[in-house]
């Protein structure tokens, strides 16, 4: 099997990848307008402030949208898989895989939580799994 493509950190995204390697999900936050956003941008998409910082999020959210991918976008992916937009509890949207259940069982509105998957010694990928129901 061909190896999965591995993200290449940039100066803008390096803190995100360093955090995932430590098991933390950290995304950009703008203190000026209190907006969380993902992916990292040069300026806050809400107010255009350039002085935003990475902050840790809980790593929980809701499936906002989902599709089941049946044809690999490139070598190294193992279809079928669930690709979803996750609305993090802090408000940011994040594209990710939902794992741990058959892809066709992932539904809009399901609660999810992050889990980390080590791709290489340098890159750990955040994925999401269905969160257990609250007792």
Foldseek 3Di string as FASTA:
>chain_A
DDADDADDDDPQCLVQFVQVLVVFGKFKADPVVGDTEPDGDCAPPPPRHRPIDIDTAQQKFWFADWDFDADDPDPNDDDGWIWTFTQGPSGYTDIATEDDDPNVPRDGGFMWGWGWDDRDNRGIDIHIYGDDDDD
